[in-house]
Amino acid sequence: MDGSSLKSAQLLEQMRLHLATDAGKELTKKVGLVYQLNIAPKKLGVDEEIFVVDLKKGEVTKGPYQGKPDATFSFTDSDFLGIVTGKTNPQMAFIRGAIKIKGSIIAAQKFSLDIFPKPAKL
């Protein structure tokens, strides 16, 4: 994702490439939901960059979703990386307020590590 200083952007770029593969197309068929990710460099809600993981179309884009996403997550760059690399428990992060979720809780629960490609070194 060009022009981003977030480490998360590198991971989202890997996901964008992953969704173009056969495994990615399978994932799109299986999940079929749209997620908006508001990722802040240091503090929730400050200087956020917005990404959309569209698992209906099978694409990752930068900028807000046109319409209503199934679920919207807000977190810091480091919390997002911790969650997708498996170092941070998503439920515990939510309980301690490191993640904010809007929209469908059922859709949010489907946003799991399984949808991310195994990351290369970041």
Protein backbone atom coordinates (compact mmCIF):
# COMPACT_ATOMS: atom_id res chain seq x y z
CA MET A 1 0.00 0.00 0.00
CA ASP A 2 1.84 3.04 -1.29
CA GLY A 3 2.50 6.10 0.80
CA SER A 4 1.92 4.48 4.17
CA SER A 5 4.31 4.59 7.10
CA LEU A 6 2.45 1.79 8.88
CA LYS A 7 4.02 -1.66 9.18
CA SER A 8 0.47 -3.00 8.85
CA ALA A 9 0.37 -1.65 5.29
CA GLN A 10 3.06 -4.17 4.27
CA LEU A 11 0.95 -7.00 5.66
CA LEU A 12 -2.16 -5.69 3.90
CA GLU A 13 -0.19 -5.55 0.64
CA GLN A 14 0.72 -9.24 1.13
CA MET A 15 -2.96 -9.95 1.71
CA ARG A 16 -3.91 -8.07 -1.47
CA LEU A 17 -1.53 -10.30 -3.45
CA HIS A 18 -2.77 -13.41 -1.60
CA LEU A 19 -6.40 -12.69 -2.57
CA ALA A 20 -5.42 -12.93 -6.25
CA THR A 21 -4.30 -16.56 -5.76
CA ASP A 22 -6.51 -19.66 -5.85
CA ALA A 23 -6.34 -19.87 -2.03
CA GLY A 24 -7.43 -16.23 -1.86
CA LYS A 25 -10.37 -16.84 -4.21
CA GLU A 26 -11.43 -19.79 -2.02
CA LEU A 27 -11.27 -17.51 1.03
CA THR A 28 -13.43 -14.90 -0.71
CA LYS A 29 -16.09 -17.54 -1.44
CA LYS A 30 -15.97 -18.83 2.14
CA VAL A 31 -16.06 -15.51 4.06
CA GLY A 32 -17.92 -13.09 1.75
CA LEU A 33 -17.72 -10.10 4.13
CA VAL A 34 -16.31 -6.57 3.98
CA TYR A 35 -14.06 -5.21 6.74
CA GLN A 36 -12.86 -1.67 7.22
CA LEU A 37 -9.65 -1.29 9.22
CA ASN A 38 -8.86 2.04 10.85
CA ILE A 39 -5.20 1.77 11.83
CA ALA A 40 -3.49 4.49 13.86
CA PRO A 41 0.31 4.83 14.15
CA LYS A 42 0.37 5.27 17.95
CA LYS A 43 -2.97 6.30 19.51
CA LEU A 44 -6.48 5.09 18.62
CA GLY A 45 -8.38 7.65 16.55
CA VAL A 46 -5.33 9.84 15.81
CA ASP A 47 -3.92 10.05 12.25
CA GLU A 48 -5.64 6.82 11.25
CA GLU A 49 -5.13 5.26 7.87
CA ILE A 50 -8.15 3.42 6.53
CA PHE A 51 -8.00 0.15 4.62
CA VAL A 52 -10.78 -2.06 3.29
CA VAL A 53 -10.45 -5.84 3.18
CA ASP A 54 -13.25 -6.78 0.79
CA LEU A 55 -13.79 -10.51 0.95
CA LYS A 56 -16.77 -10.28 -1.40
CA LYS A 57 -14.70 -8.94 -4.31
CA GLY A 58 -11.37 -10.32 -3.11
CA GLU A 59 -9.44 -7.08 -2.82
CA VAL A 60 -7.65 -4.85 -0.33
CA THR A 61 -7.83 -1.10 -0.91
CA LYS A 62 -6.74 2.05 0.90
CA GLY A 63 -9.44 4.55 1.83
CA PRO A 64 -12.89 4.28 3.40
CA TYR A 65 -15.44 1.76 2.13
CA GLN A 66 -18.12 3.16 -0.14
CA GLY A 67 -21.21 1.86 1.62
CA LYS A 68 -21.53 0.05 4.93
CA PRO A 69 -18.85 -2.52 5.80
CA ASP A 70 -19.95 -5.65 7.68
CA ALA A 71 -17.57 -4.72 10.52
CA THR A 72 -15.16 -1.88 11.23
CA PHE A 73 -12.11 -2.32 13.45
CA SER A 74 -9.99 0.43 14.98
CA PHE A 75 -6.58 -0.35 16.43
CA THR A 76 -3.01 0.86 16.56
CA ASP A 77 -0.41 -0.39 14.11
CA SER A 78 1.37 -2.47 16.77
CA ASP A 79 -1.86 -4.02 18.12
CA PHE A 80 -2.97 -4.98 14.60
CA LEU A 81 0.39 -6.61 13.88
CA GLY A 82 0.30 -8.42 17.21
CA ILE A 83 -3.12 -9.86 16.44
CA VAL A 84 -2.45 -11.01 12.88
CA THR A 85 0.91 -12.54 13.78
CA GLY A 86 -0.70 -14.43 16.68
CA LYS A 87 1.31 -12.67 19.40
CA THR A 88 -1.75 -10.88 20.82
CA ASN A 89 -5.03 -12.54 21.77
CA PRO A 90 -7.81 -10.62 19.94
CA GLN A 91 -10.36 -11.15 22.74
CA MET A 92 -7.95 -9.85 25.38
CA ALA A 93 -7.06 -6.87 23.16
CA PHE A 94 -10.78 -6.07 22.83
CA ILE A 95 -11.36 -6.39 26.60
CA ARG A 96 -8.49 -4.02 27.40
CA GLY A 97 -9.78 -1.51 24.83
CA ALA A 98 -6.98 -1.94 22.28
CA ILE A 99 -9.55 -2.81 19.59
CA LYS A 100 -12.79 -0.98 18.87
CA ILE A 101 -15.42 -2.78 16.78
CA LYS A 102 -18.47 -1.36 15.00
CA GLY A 103 -20.99 -3.32 12.99
CA SER A 104 -21.86 -7.00 13.09
CA ILE A 105 -20.25 -8.94 15.94
CA ILE A 106 -20.84 -12.16 13.96
CA ALA A 107 -18.91 -10.69 11.01
CA ALA A 108 -16.22 -9.46 13.41
CA GLN A 109 -15.77 -12.99 14.80
CA LYS A 110 -15.10 -14.28 11.28
CA PHE A 111 -12.18 -11.85 11.02
CA SER A 112 -9.64 -14.39 12.21
CA LEU A 113 -6.00 -15.28 11.62
CA ASP A 114 -7.19 -17.78 9.00
CA ILE A 115 -7.96 -15.01 6.52
CA PHE A 116 -4.41 -13.66 6.54
CA PRO A 117 -1.55 -15.20 4.57
CA LYS A 118 1.29 -16.32 6.78
CA PRO A 119 3.40 -13.14 6.90
CA ALA A 120 6.97 -12.98 5.77
CA LYS A 121 9.33 -11.10 8.08
CA LEU A 122 8.07 -7.57 8.66
